[in-house]
Amino acid sequence: MSAPRFDPAIDALLVKYLLGEATAAEREQVTGWCALDAANRRYFDHFRLLWDASRAQAPAEPVDEMAAWERFQARRAEPAMSPVRSIRRHRSPLLWVAAAAVIALTATAIWGYLNRTLTLQSNAIALTQTLPDGSQVTLNKHSSLKYTARFDRSVTLDGEGFFDIRQNPAQPFLVKVGAATVQVLGTSFNIRQGDSATIVTVETGRVAIRVGGDRQQEIGAGQEVRITAGGATIRTTTDQLYQYYRTRVFACHATPLGRLAQVLSEAYDTPIRIDTPGAADLPLTATFRDESLDQVLDVATKTLGLSWSRQGQEVVIR
């Protein structure tokens, strides 16, 4: 469930409700709107809180109600706010202006509330989170995801994350990472942002990728695109090692040892160096599930006729 968008007609209705001016049908409408979505209920509770605070701080001196109303209209510049005029004019000018003032205050507060930036941050371990629209993201360690509280299905990624997106044809999901924007309807994919390249790997469905002002490119399941300063290159996925931080599985299918060493180094925070010429290109087919780094290295090196040892904090493969 997503946060409700600011709607002047709803705010005007809520003002009438709080003033006791609403008809039976309008009161029923407010009750139904609140019951429709938990986000609506939170919006109403926040609105009422601001309303009560404004009533408590109403000025004791007479004010120029029409001037106040004109300033309010100019500030909002929203023609749809005209329903506020339905508040009966026999109410005192002070209360009428308080109603206008609280709408201005509420609109400003809610605008700030809905547009504030929220950040998901993983630290030393991966973090899995369900987003407001029901989509799910798993952030690799030391990664972050930012989006606004209103959640318009647009997020910014720093680091690495796996996304499982809930389909919504009317509102594509956008992931901004560096200079690239990934657009999807409903699919699952991994994005890895590195120092020299950003890699987008599609597990299911299709995604469209745009880098700066370049033409949009599409890739599907089993494909990945590598984005560098020199452009974007599409290729077939060669392994499923990108899944390791959410599945705890290292799946190699004729995977070069150098690629496995790179992923193991990141997963276990241990530098791994391959000293034997050509060994980094040796293909390995094996699957490791929840095993220690030593266990993975033992199997990998023995399978390929190599050995490994530790030199200080570094692992050396020969």
C-alpha atoms as a PDB file:
ATOM      1  CA  MET A   1       0.000   0.000   0.000  1.00  0.00           C
ATOM      2  CA  SER A   2       1.359   3.390  -0.956  1.00  0.00           C
ATOM      3  CA  ALA A   3       0.991   6.752   0.697  1.00  0.00           C
ATOM      4  CA  PRO A   4      -1.974   8.797  -0.609  1.00  0.00           C
ATOM      5  CA  ARG A   5      -1.172  11.602  -3.007  1.00  0.00           C
ATOM      6  CA  PHE A   6      -2.059  15.141  -1.952  1.00  0.00           C
ATOM      7  CA  ASP A   7      -5.628  15.763  -3.151  1.00  0.00           C
ATOM      8  CA  PRO A   8      -7.149  19.226  -2.594  1.00  0.00           C
ATOM      9  CA  ALA A   9     -10.712  17.832  -2.805  1.00  0.00           C
ATOM     10  CA  ILE A  10     -10.004  15.328  -0.040  1.00  0.00           C
ATOM     11  CA  ASP A  11      -8.399  18.022   2.125  1.00  0.00           C
ATOM     12  CA  ALA A  12     -11.441  20.268   1.666  1.00  0.00           C
ATOM     13  CA  LEU A  13     -13.714  17.387   2.668  1.00  0.00           C
ATOM     14  CA  LEU A  14     -11.602  16.698   5.749  1.00  0.00           C
ATOM     15  CA  VAL A  15     -11.826  20.365   6.767  1.00  0.00           C
ATOM     16  CA  LYS A  16     -15.631  20.230   6.554  1.00  0.00           C
ATOM     17  CA  TYR A  17     -15.590  17.019   8.590  1.00  0.00           C
ATOM     18  CA  LEU A  18     -13.411  18.532  11.319  1.00  0.00           C
ATOM     19  CA  LEU A  19     -15.500  21.718  11.387  1.00  0.00           C
ATOM     20  CA  GLY A  20     -18.664  19.670  11.852  1.00  0.00           C
ATOM     21  CA  GLU A  21     -19.957  21.063   8.537  1.00  0.00           C
ATOM     22  CA  ALA A  22     -20.018  17.744   6.659  1.00  0.00           C
ATOM     23  CA  THR A  23     -23.309  16.160   5.643  1.00  0.00           C
ATOM     24  CA  ALA A  24     -24.134  12.583   6.612  1.00  0.00           C
ATOM     25  CA  ALA A  25     -23.066  11.429   3.148  1.00  0.00           C
ATOM     26  CA  GLU A  26     -19.783  13.344   3.428  1.00  0.00           C
ATOM     27  CA  ARG A  27     -19.075  11.913   6.878  1.00  0.00           C
ATOM     28  CA  GLU A  28     -19.681   8.448   5.458  1.00  0.00           C
ATOM     29  CA  GLN A  29     -17.336   9.271   2.594  1.00  0.00           C
ATOM     30  CA  VAL A  30     -14.551  10.250   5.022  1.00  0.00           C
ATOM     31  CA  THR A  31     -15.099   7.095   7.086  1.00  0.00           C
ATOM     32  CA  GLY A  32     -14.987   4.913   3.981  1.00  0.00           C
ATOM     33  CA  TRP A  33     -11.887   6.678   2.649  1.00  0.00           C
ATOM     34  CA  CYS A  34     -10.046   6.083   5.939  1.00  0.00           C
ATOM     35  CA  ALA A  35     -11.066   2.415   5.988  1.00  0.00           C
ATOM     36  CA  LEU A  36      -9.969   1.894   2.376  1.00  0.00           C
ATOM     37  CA  ASP A  37      -6.250   2.020   3.074  1.00  0.00           C
ATOM     38  CA  ALA A  38      -4.047   2.204   6.170  1.00  0.00           C
ATOM     39  CA  ALA A  39      -2.110   5.010   4.481  1.00  0.00           C
ATOM     40  CA  ASN A  40      -5.349   7.024   4.199  1.00  0.00           C
ATOM     41  CA  ARG A  41      -5.966   6.550   7.915  1.00  0.00           C
ATOM     42  CA  ARG A  42      -2.463   7.774   8.741  1.00  0.00           C
ATOM     43  CA  TYR A  43      -3.014  10.784   6.475  1.00  0.00           C
ATOM     44  CA  PHE A  44      -6.259  11.644   8.277  1.00  0.00           C
ATOM     45  CA  ASP A  45      -4.679  11.273  11.716  1.00  0.00           C
ATOM     46  CA  HIS A  46      -1.786  13.544  10.666  1.00  0.00           C
ATOM     47  CA  PHE A  47      -4.234  16.055   9.166  1.00  0.00           C
ATOM     48  CA  ARG A  48      -6.291  16.134  12.370  1.00  0.00           C
ATOM     49  CA  LEU A  49      -3.145  16.592  14.462  1.00  0.00           C
ATOM     50  CA  LEU A  50      -2.162  19.644  12.415  1.00  0.00           C
ATOM     51  CA  TRP A  51      -5.747  20.922  12.528  1.00  0.00           C
ATOM     52  CA  ASP A  52      -5.884  20.725  16.313  1.00  0.00           C
ATOM     53  CA  ALA A  53      -2.518  22.425  16.614  1.00  0.00           C
ATOM     54  CA  SER A  54      -3.660  25.266  14.349  1.00  0.00           C
ATOM     55  CA  ARG A  55      -6.897  25.728  16.302  1.00  0.00           C
ATOM     56  CA  ALA A  56      -4.904  25.928  19.528  1.00  0.00           C
ATOM     57  CA  GLN A  57      -2.627  28.592  18.036  1.00  0.00           C
ATOM     58  CA  ALA A  58      -5.376  30.713  16.417  1.00  0.00           C
ATOM     59  CA  PRO A  59      -4.632  34.456  16.801  1.00  0.00           C
ATOM     60  CA  ALA A  60      -6.619  36.440  19.354  1.00  0.00           C
ATOM     61  CA  GLU A  61      -6.749  39.610  17.245  1.00  0.00           C
ATOM     62  CA  PRO A  62      -9.121  40.165  14.295  1.00  0.00           C
ATOM     63  CA  VAL A  63      -7.605  39.478  10.903  1.00  0.00           C
ATOM     64  CA  ASP A  64      -8.409  40.472   7.347  1.00  0.00           C
ATOM     65  CA  GLU A  65     -10.002  37.221   6.242  1.00  0.00           C
ATOM     66  CA  MET A  66     -10.195  38.037   2.519  1.00  0.00           C
ATOM     67  CA  ALA A  67      -6.557  39.132   2.405  1.00  0.00           C
ATOM     68  CA  ALA A  68      -5.586  35.943   4.209  1.00  0.00           C
ATOM     69  CA  TRP A  69      -7.630  33.893   1.767  1.00  0.00           C
ATOM     70  CA  GLU A  70      -6.076  35.629  -1.235  1.00  0.00           C
ATOM     71  CA  ARG A  71      -2.588  35.025   0.114  1.00  0.00           C
ATOM     72  CA  PHE A  72      -3.500  31.390   0.651  1.00  0.00           C
ATOM     73  CA  GLN A  73      -4.834  31.053  -2.908  1.00  0.00           C
ATOM     74  CA  ALA A  74      -1.753  32.696  -4.370  1.00  0.00           C
ATOM     75  CA  ARG A  75       0.467  30.379  -2.363  1.00  0.00           C
ATOM     76  CA  ARG A  76      -1.262  27.223  -3.409  1.00  0.00           C
ATOM     77  CA  ALA A  77      -2.192  28.320  -6.968  1.00  0.00           C
ATOM     78  CA  GLU A  78      -4.481  25.309  -7.077  1.00  0.00           C
ATOM     79  CA  PRO A  79      -7.869  25.934  -8.761  1.00  0.00           C
ATOM     80  CA  ALA A  80      -9.125  22.661  -7.335  1.00  0.00           C
ATOM     81  CA  MET A  81      -9.068  24.187  -3.850  1.00  0.00           C
ATOM     82  CA  SER A  82     -12.371  25.946  -4.556  1.00  0.00           C
ATOM     83  CA  PRO A  83     -14.397  23.324  -2.602  1.00  0.00           C
ATOM     84  CA  VAL A  84     -13.179  25.070   0.558  1.00  0.00           C
ATOM     85  CA  ARG A  85     -15.646  27.842  -0.272  1.00  0.00           C
ATOM     86  CA  SER A  86     -18.394  25.393   0.611  1.00  0.00           C
ATOM     87  CA  ILE A  87     -17.599  25.981   4.300  1.00  0.00           C
ATOM     88  CA  ARG A  88     -20.559  28.071   5.421  1.00  0.00           C
ATOM     89  CA  ARG A  89     -19.825  31.779   5.700  1.00  0.00           C
ATOM     90  CA  HIS A  90     -21.887  32.240   8.850  1.00  0.00           C
ATOM     91  CA  ARG A  91     -18.912  30.792  10.728  1.00  0.00           C
ATOM     92  CA  SER A  92     -16.801  33.437  12.437  1.00  0.00           C
ATOM     93  CA  PRO A  93     -14.119  35.064  10.258  1.00  0.00           C
ATOM     94  CA  LEU A  94     -11.514  33.818  12.705  1.00  0.00           C
ATOM     95  CA  LEU A  95     -12.552  30.196  12.297  1.00  0.00           C
ATOM     96  CA  TRP A  96     -12.910  30.594   8.528  1.00  0.00           C
ATOM     97  CA  VAL A  97      -9.391  31.942   8.229  1.00  0.00           C
ATOM     98  CA  ALA A  98      -8.159  29.239  10.597  1.00  0.00           C
ATOM     99  CA  ALA A  99      -9.604  26.673   8.199  1.00  0.00           C
ATOM    100  CA  ALA A 100      -7.769  28.281   5.273  1.00  0.00           C
ATOM    101  CA  ALA A 101      -4.591  28.535   7.319  1.00  0.00           C
ATOM    102  CA  VAL A 102      -4.693  24.917   8.433  1.00  0.00           C
ATOM    103  CA  ILE A 103      -5.124  23.746   4.838  1.00  0.00           C
ATOM    104  CA  ALA A 104      -2.045  25.766   3.876  1.00  0.00           C
ATOM    105  CA  LEU A 105      -0.170  24.409   6.868  1.00  0.00           C
ATOM    106  CA  THR A 106      -1.350  20.866   6.244  1.00  0.00           C
ATOM    107  CA  ALA A 107      -0.595  21.000   2.522  1.00  0.00           C
ATOM    108  CA  THR A 108       2.915  22.252   3.242  1.00  0.00           C
ATOM    109  CA  ALA A 109       3.498  19.706   5.979  1.00  0.00           C
ATOM    110  CA  ILE A 110       2.125  16.815   3.930  1.00  0.00           C
ATOM    111  CA  TRP A 111       4.073  17.898   0.849  1.00  0.00           C
ATOM    112  CA  GLY A 112       7.215  17.840   2.956  1.00  0.00           C
ATOM    113  CA  TYR A 113       6.205  14.539   4.546  1.00  0.00           C
ATOM    114  CA  LEU A 114       5.496  12.776   1.246  1.00  0.00           C
ATOM    115  CA  ASN A 115       8.551  14.198  -0.525  1.00  0.00           C
ATOM    116  CA  ARG A 116      11.078  13.508   2.198  1.00  0.00           C
ATOM    117  CA  THR A 117      13.783  11.028   1.213  1.00  0.00           C
ATOM    118  CA  LEU A 118      13.829   7.609   2.857  1.00  0.00           C
ATOM    119  CA  THR A 119      16.987   5.501   2.813  1.00  0.00           C
ATOM    120  CA  LEU A 120      17.416   1.755   3.148  1.00  0.00           C
ATOM    121  CA  GLN A 121      20.977   1.027   4.215  1.00  0.00           C
ATOM    122  CA  SER A 122      22.686  -2.334   4.590  1.00  0.00           C
ATOM    123  CA  ASN A 123      25.826  -2.626   6.679  1.00  0.00           C
ATOM    124  CA  ALA A 124      27.940  -5.751   7.157  1.00  0.00           C
ATOM    125  CA  ILE A 125      25.171  -8.104   6.043  1.00  0.00           C
ATOM    126  CA  ALA A 126      22.626  -8.113   3.218  1.00  0.00           C
ATOM    127  CA  LEU A 127      19.226  -6.527   3.853  1.00  0.00           C
ATOM    128  CA  THR A 128      15.880  -7.651   2.378  1.00  0.00           C
ATOM    129  CA  GLN A 129      12.973  -5.195   2.386  1.00  0.00           C
ATOM    130  CA  THR A 130       9.469  -5.091   0.893  1.00  0.00           C
ATOM    131  CA  LEU A 131       8.809  -1.714  -0.723  1.00  0.00           C
ATOM    132  CA  PRO A 132       5.495   0.186  -0.380  1.00  0.00           C
ATOM    133  CA  ASP A 133       4.171  -1.167  -3.707  1.00  0.00           C
ATOM    134  CA  GLY A 134       4.848  -4.794  -2.740  1.00  0.00           C
ATOM    135  CA  SER A 135       8.075  -5.098  -4.723  1.00  0.00           C
ATOM    136  CA  GLN A 136      11.017  -6.614  -2.884  1.00  0.00           C
ATOM    137  CA  VAL A 137      14.668  -5.588  -2.840  1.00  0.00           C
ATOM    138  CA  THR A 138      17.686  -7.318  -1.329  1.00  0.00           C
ATOM    139  CA  LEU A 139      20.652  -5.012  -0.825  1.00  0.00           C
ATOM    140  CA  ASN A 140      24.120  -6.472  -0.751  1.00  0.00           C
ATOM    141  CA  LYS A 141      26.234  -5.312   2.176  1.00  0.00           C
ATOM    142  CA  HIS A 142      27.302  -1.660   2.248  1.00  0.00           C
ATOM    143  CA  SER A 143      24.627  -0.659  -0.261  1.00  0.00           C
ATOM    144  CA  SER A 144      21.752   1.819  -0.078  1.00  0.00           C
ATOM    145  CA  LEU A 145      18.434   2.557  -1.755  1.00  0.00           C
ATOM    146  CA  LYS A 146      16.708   5.949  -1.673  1.00  0.00           C
ATOM    147  CA  TYR A 147      13.127   6.934  -2.533  1.00  0.00           C
ATOM    148  CA  THR A 148      10.531   9.487  -1.484  1.00  0.00           C
ATOM    149  CA  ALA A 149       7.888   8.725   1.124  1.00  0.00           C
ATOM    150  CA  ARG A 150       5.140   9.152  -1.492  1.00  0.00           C
ATOM    151  CA  PHE A 151       6.815   6.257  -3.363  1.00  0.00           C
ATOM    152  CA  ASP A 152       6.233   6.882  -7.064  1.00  0.00           C
ATOM    153  CA  ARG A 153       8.093   3.635  -8.008  1.00  0.00           C
ATOM    154  CA  SER A 154      11.310   5.531  -8.655  1.00  0.00           C
ATOM    155  CA  VAL A 155      14.383   4.650  -6.567  1.00  0.00           C
ATOM    156  CA  THR A 156      18.102   5.407  -6.555  1.00  0.00           C
ATOM    157  CA  LEU A 157      20.594   2.616  -5.884  1.00  0.00           C
ATOM    158  CA  ASP A 158      24.142   2.956  -4.599  1.00  0.00           C
ATOM    159  CA  GLY A 159      25.974  -0.370  -4.501  1.00  0.00           C
ATOM    160  CA  GLU A 160      24.318  -3.670  -5.393  1.00  0.00           C
ATOM    161  CA  GLY A 161      20.755  -4.901  -5.135  1.00  0.00           C
ATOM    162  CA  PHE A 162      18.435  -7.616  -6.392  1.00  0.00           C
ATOM    163  CA  PHE A 163      14.929  -6.493  -7.306  1.00  0.00           C
ATOM    164  CA  ASP A 164      11.744  -8.540  -7.603  1.00  0.00           C
ATOM    165  CA  ILE A 165       9.254  -6.034  -9.010  1.00  0.00           C
ATOM    166  CA  ARG A 166       5.484  -6.225  -8.649  1.00  0.00           C
ATOM    167  CA  GLN A 167       3.877  -5.634 -12.035  1.00  0.00           C
ATOM    168  CA  ASN A 168       1.993  -2.384 -12.636  1.00  0.00           C
ATOM    169  CA  PRO A 169       1.604  -1.597 -16.369  1.00  0.00           C
ATOM    170  CA  ALA A 170       0.245   1.867 -15.563  1.00  0.00           C
ATOM    171  CA  GLN A 171       3.376   2.851 -13.623  1.00  0.00           C
ATOM    172  CA  PRO A 172       6.746   1.364 -14.607  1.00  0.00           C
ATOM    173  CA  PHE A 173       9.350   0.909 -11.877  1.00  0.00           C
ATOM    174  CA  LEU A 174      12.525   2.983 -12.313  1.00  0.00           C
ATOM    175  CA  VAL A 175      15.922   2.320 -10.764  1.00  0.00           C
ATOM    176  CA  LYS A 176      18.509   5.071 -11.132  1.00  0.00           C
ATOM    177  CA  VAL A 177      22.092   3.944 -10.702  1.00  0.00           C
ATOM    178  CA  GLY A 178      24.896   6.277 -11.682  1.00  0.00           C
ATOM    179  CA  ALA A 179      24.208   7.648 -15.172  1.00  0.00           C
ATOM    180  CA  ALA A 180      21.859   4.783 -16.039  1.00  0.00           C
ATOM    181  CA  THR A 181      18.116   4.325 -15.548  1.00  0.00           C
ATOM    182  CA  VAL A 182      16.574   0.845 -15.537  1.00  0.00           C
ATOM    183  CA  GLN A 183      12.840   0.689 -16.338  1.00  0.00           C
ATOM    184  CA  VAL A 184      10.698  -2.371 -15.633  1.00  0.00           C
ATOM    185  CA  LEU A 185       7.057  -3.418 -15.382  1.00  0.00           C
ATOM    186  CA  GLY A 186       7.307  -6.718 -13.536  1.00  0.00           C
ATOM    187  CA  THR A 187      10.506  -8.720 -13.455  1.00  0.00           C
ATOM    188  CA  SER A 188      13.481  -9.728 -11.309  1.00  0.00           C
ATOM    189  CA  PHE A 189      16.996  -8.525 -11.895  1.00  0.00           C
ATOM    190  CA  ASN A 190      20.278  -7.681 -10.212  1.00  0.00           C
ATOM    191  CA  ILE A 191      22.154  -4.380 -10.425  1.00  0.00           C
ATOM    192  CA  ARG A 192      25.773  -4.122  -9.392  1.00  0.00           C
ATOM    193  CA  GLN A 193      27.490  -0.739  -9.335  1.00  0.00           C
ATOM    194  CA  GLY A 194      31.290  -0.999  -9.405  1.00  0.00           C
ATOM    195  CA  ASP A 195      34.105   1.510  -9.713  1.00  0.00           C
ATOM    196  CA  SER A 196      34.546   1.012 -13.451  1.00  0.00           C
ATOM    197  CA  ALA A 197      31.247  -0.534 -14.560  1.00  0.00           C
ATOM    198  CA  THR A 198      27.596  -1.080 -13.672  1.00  0.00           C
ATOM    199  CA  ILE A 199      26.192  -4.520 -14.507  1.00  0.00           C
ATOM    200  CA  VAL A 200      22.478  -5.243 -14.847  1.00  0.00           C
ATOM    201  CA  THR A 201      21.593  -8.967 -14.913  1.00  0.00           C
ATOM    202  CA  VAL A 202      18.028 -10.057 -15.714  1.00  0.00           C
ATOM    203  CA  GLU A 203      16.710 -13.202 -14.052  1.00  0.00           C
ATOM    204  CA  THR A 204      13.080 -13.076 -15.256  1.00  0.00           C
ATOM    205  CA  GLY A 205      11.142 -10.792 -17.593  1.00  0.00           C
ATOM    206  CA  ARG A 206      12.655  -7.859 -19.475  1.00  0.00           C
ATOM    207  CA  VAL A 207      14.088  -4.467 -18.577  1.00  0.00           C
ATOM    208  CA  ALA A 208      14.829  -1.336 -20.580  1.00  0.00           C
ATOM    209  CA  ILE A 209      18.050   0.553 -19.895  1.00  0.00           C
ATOM    210  CA  ARG A 210      18.936   4.114 -20.808  1.00  0.00           C
ATOM    211  CA  VAL A 211      22.345   5.644 -20.204  1.00  0.00           C
ATOM    212  CA  GLY A 212      22.290   9.439 -20.269  1.00  0.00           C
ATOM    213  CA  GLY A 213      20.683  10.546 -23.507  1.00  0.00           C
ATOM    214  CA  ASP A 214      21.503   7.338 -25.367  1.00  0.00           C
ATOM    215  CA  ARG A 215      18.898   5.169 -27.050  1.00  0.00           C
ATOM    216  CA  GLN A 216      17.033   2.817 -24.746  1.00  0.00           C
ATOM    217  CA  GLN A 217      18.144  -0.823 -24.885  1.00  0.00           C
ATOM    218  CA  GLU A 218      16.185  -3.876 -23.762  1.00  0.00           C
ATOM    219  CA  ILE A 219      17.501  -7.120 -22.320  1.00  0.00           C
ATOM    220  CA  GLY A 220      15.677 -10.256 -21.195  1.00  0.00           C
ATOM    221  CA  ALA A 221      16.100 -13.251 -18.900  1.00  0.00           C
ATOM    222  CA  GLY A 222      19.565 -14.776 -19.072  1.00  0.00           C
ATOM    223  CA  GLN A 223      21.144 -11.567 -20.348  1.00  0.00           C
ATOM    224  CA  GLU A 224      23.155  -8.813 -18.747  1.00  0.00           C
ATOM    225  CA  VAL A 225      24.374  -5.416 -19.824  1.00  0.00           C
ATOM    226  CA  ARG A 226      27.722  -3.977 -18.771  1.00  0.00           C
ATOM    227  CA  ILE A 227      27.722  -0.187 -18.627  1.00  0.00           C
ATOM    228  CA  THR A 228      31.036   1.694 -18.705  1.00  0.00           C
ATOM    229  CA  ALA A 229      32.163   5.179 -19.649  1.00  0.00           C
ATOM    230  CA  GLY A 230      32.605   3.864 -23.177  1.00  0.00           C
ATOM    231  CA  GLY A 231      29.011   2.644 -23.562  1.00  0.00           C
ATOM    232  CA  ALA A 232      26.843  -0.398 -22.910  1.00  0.00           C
ATOM    233  CA  THR A 233      27.590  -3.988 -23.931  1.00  0.00           C
ATOM    234  CA  ILE A 234      24.976  -6.767 -23.876  1.00  0.00           C
ATOM    235  CA  ARG A 235      25.955 -10.386 -23.374  1.00  0.00           C
ATOM    236  CA  THR A 236      24.540 -13.726 -22.234  1.00  0.00           C
ATOM    237  CA  THR A 237      24.788 -14.400 -18.502  1.00  0.00           C
ATOM    238  CA  THR A 238      27.668 -16.790 -17.844  1.00  0.00           C
ATOM    239  CA  ASP A 239      26.879 -17.717 -14.232  1.00  0.00           C
ATOM    240  CA  GLN A 240      24.532 -17.177 -11.295  1.00  0.00           C
ATOM    241  CA  LEU A 241      27.140 -15.908  -8.875  1.00  0.00           C
ATOM    242  CA  TYR A 242      25.303 -12.591  -8.645  1.00  0.00           C
ATOM    243  CA  GLN A 243      22.758 -14.400  -6.453  1.00  0.00           C
ATOM    244  CA  TYR A 244      25.180 -15.327  -3.685  1.00  0.00           C
ATOM    245  CA  TYR A 245      24.359 -12.548  -1.205  1.00  0.00           C
ATOM    246  CA  ARG A 246      20.647 -13.396  -1.109  1.00  0.00           C
ATOM    247  CA  THR A 247      20.770 -17.190  -1.628  1.00  0.00           C
ATOM    248  CA  ARG A 248      24.102 -18.010   0.094  1.00  0.00           C
ATOM    249  CA  VAL A 249      24.818 -20.248  -2.896  1.00  0.00           C
ATOM    250  CA  PHE A 250      27.861 -19.999  -5.170  1.00  0.00           C
ATOM    251  CA  ALA A 251      26.782 -21.683  -8.410  1.00  0.00           C
ATOM    252  CA  CYS A 252      29.508 -22.101 -11.041  1.00  0.00           C
ATOM    253  CA  HIS A 253      28.791 -23.421 -14.544  1.00  0.00           C
ATOM    254  CA  ALA A 254      32.051 -23.445 -16.488  1.00  0.00           C
ATOM    255  CA  THR A 255      32.794 -20.238 -14.582  1.00  0.00           C
ATOM    256  CA  PRO A 256      36.359 -18.864 -14.826  1.00  0.00           C
ATOM    257  CA  LEU A 257      38.239 -19.257 -11.548  1.00  0.00           C
ATOM    258  CA  GLY A 258      39.058 -15.548 -11.623  1.00  0.00           C
ATOM    259  CA  ARG A 259      35.355 -14.693 -11.548  1.00  0.00           C
ATOM    260  CA  LEU A 260      34.748 -17.003  -8.587  1.00  0.00           C
ATOM    261  CA  ALA A 261      37.758 -15.560  -6.770  1.00  0.00           C
ATOM    262  CA  GLN A 262      36.395 -12.036  -7.252  1.00  0.00           C
ATOM    263  CA  VAL A 263      32.988 -12.955  -5.786  1.00  0.00           C
ATOM    264  CA  LEU A 264      34.513 -14.924  -2.900  1.00  0.00           C
ATOM    265  CA  SER A 265      36.747 -11.981  -2.069  1.00  0.00           C
ATOM    266  CA  GLU A 266      33.714  -9.710  -1.779  1.00  0.00           C
ATOM    267  CA  ALA A 267      31.577 -12.243   0.081  1.00  0.00           C
ATOM    268  CA  TYR A 268      34.186 -13.084   2.716  1.00  0.00           C
ATOM    269  CA  ASP A 269      36.008  -9.718   2.846  1.00  0.00           C
ATOM    270  CA  THR A 270      39.262 -11.472   2.012  1.00  0.00           C
ATOM    271  CA  PRO A 271      41.684 -10.459  -0.786  1.00  0.00           C
ATOM    272  CA  ILE A 272      42.310 -13.381  -3.174  1.00  0.00           C
ATOM    273  CA  ARG A 273      45.197 -13.383  -5.635  1.00  0.00           C
ATOM    274  CA  ILE A 274      45.803 -15.965  -8.379  1.00  0.00           C
ATOM    275  CA  ASP A 275      49.546 -16.355  -8.919  1.00  0.00           C
ATOM    276  CA  THR A 276      49.685 -19.050 -11.611  1.00  0.00           C
ATOM    277  CA  PRO A 277      49.537 -17.658 -15.186  1.00  0.00           C
ATOM    278  CA  GLY A 278      46.370 -18.714 -17.006  1.00  0.00           C
ATOM    279  CA  ALA A 279      44.748 -20.158 -13.872  1.00  0.00           C
ATOM    280  CA  ALA A 280      42.225 -17.314 -13.659  1.00  0.00           C
ATOM    281  CA  ASP A 281      40.679 -18.524 -16.940  1.00  0.00           C
ATOM    282  CA  LEU A 282      40.259 -22.172 -15.890  1.00  0.00           C
ATOM    283  CA  PRO A 283      36.540 -23.142 -15.978  1.00  0.00           C
ATOM    284  CA  LEU A 284      34.920 -24.543 -12.857  1.00  0.00           C
ATOM    285  CA  THR A 285      31.557 -26.261 -12.500  1.00  0.00           C
ATOM    286  CA  ALA A 286      30.480 -26.697  -8.892  1.00  0.00           C
ATOM    287  CA  THR A 287      27.857 -25.505  -6.407  1.00  0.00           C
ATOM    288  CA  PHE A 288      28.691 -24.399  -2.874  1.00  0.00           C
ATOM    289  CA  ARG A 289      25.941 -23.915  -0.281  1.00  0.00           C
ATOM    290  CA  ASP A 290      26.615 -22.184   3.043  1.00  0.00           C
ATOM    291  CA  GLU A 291      30.224 -23.364   3.103  1.00  0.00           C
ATOM    292  CA  SER A 292      33.199 -21.595   4.627  1.00  0.00           C
ATOM    293  CA  LEU A 293      35.767 -19.865   2.462  1.00  0.00           C
ATOM    294  CA  ASP A 294      38.310 -22.573   3.288  1.00  0.00           C
ATOM    295  CA  GLN A 295      35.905 -25.315   2.177  1.00  0.00           C
ATOM    296  CA  VAL A 296      35.158 -23.549  -1.124  1.00  0.00           C
ATOM    297  CA  LEU A 297      38.849 -22.974  -1.813  1.00  0.00           C
ATOM    298  CA  ASP A 298      39.717 -26.587  -1.001  1.00  0.00           C
ATOM    299  CA  VAL A 299      37.212 -27.968  -3.509  1.00  0.00           C
ATOM    300  CA  ALA A 300      37.870 -25.373  -6.217  1.00  0.00           C
ATOM    301  CA  THR A 301      41.653 -25.678  -6.193  1.00  0.00           C
ATOM    302  CA  LYS A 302      41.721 -29.478  -5.950  1.00  0.00           C
ATOM    303  CA  THR A 303      39.247 -29.740  -8.837  1.00  0.00           C
ATOM    304  CA  LEU A 304      41.508 -27.586 -11.009  1.00  0.00           C
ATOM    305  CA  GLY A 305      44.799 -29.127  -9.856  1.00  0.00           C
ATOM    306  CA  LEU A 306      45.870 -26.057  -7.906  1.00  0.00           C
ATOM    307  CA  SER A 307      46.569 -25.207  -4.264  1.00  0.00           C
ATOM    308  CA  TRP A 308      46.014 -22.256  -1.981  1.00  0.00           C
ATOM    309  CA  SER A 309      47.551 -20.713   1.120  1.00  0.00           C
ATOM    310  CA  ARG A 310      47.206 -17.650   3.299  1.00  0.00           C
ATOM    311  CA  GLN A 311      49.769 -14.884   3.356  1.00  0.00           C
ATOM    312  CA  GLY A 312      48.756 -12.554   6.115  1.00  0.00           C
ATOM    313  CA  GLN A 313      45.210 -11.390   5.354  1.00  0.00           C
ATOM    314  CA  GLU A 314      45.483 -12.457   1.693  1.00  0.00           C
ATOM    315  CA  VAL A 315      44.679 -15.774   0.028  1.00  0.00           C
ATOM    316  CA  VAL A 316      47.073 -16.856  -2.740  1.00  0.00           C
ATOM    317  CA  ILE A 317      46.092 -19.506  -5.316  1.00  0.00           C
ATOM    318  CA  ARG A 318      48.870 -21.293  -7.231  1.00  0.00           C
END
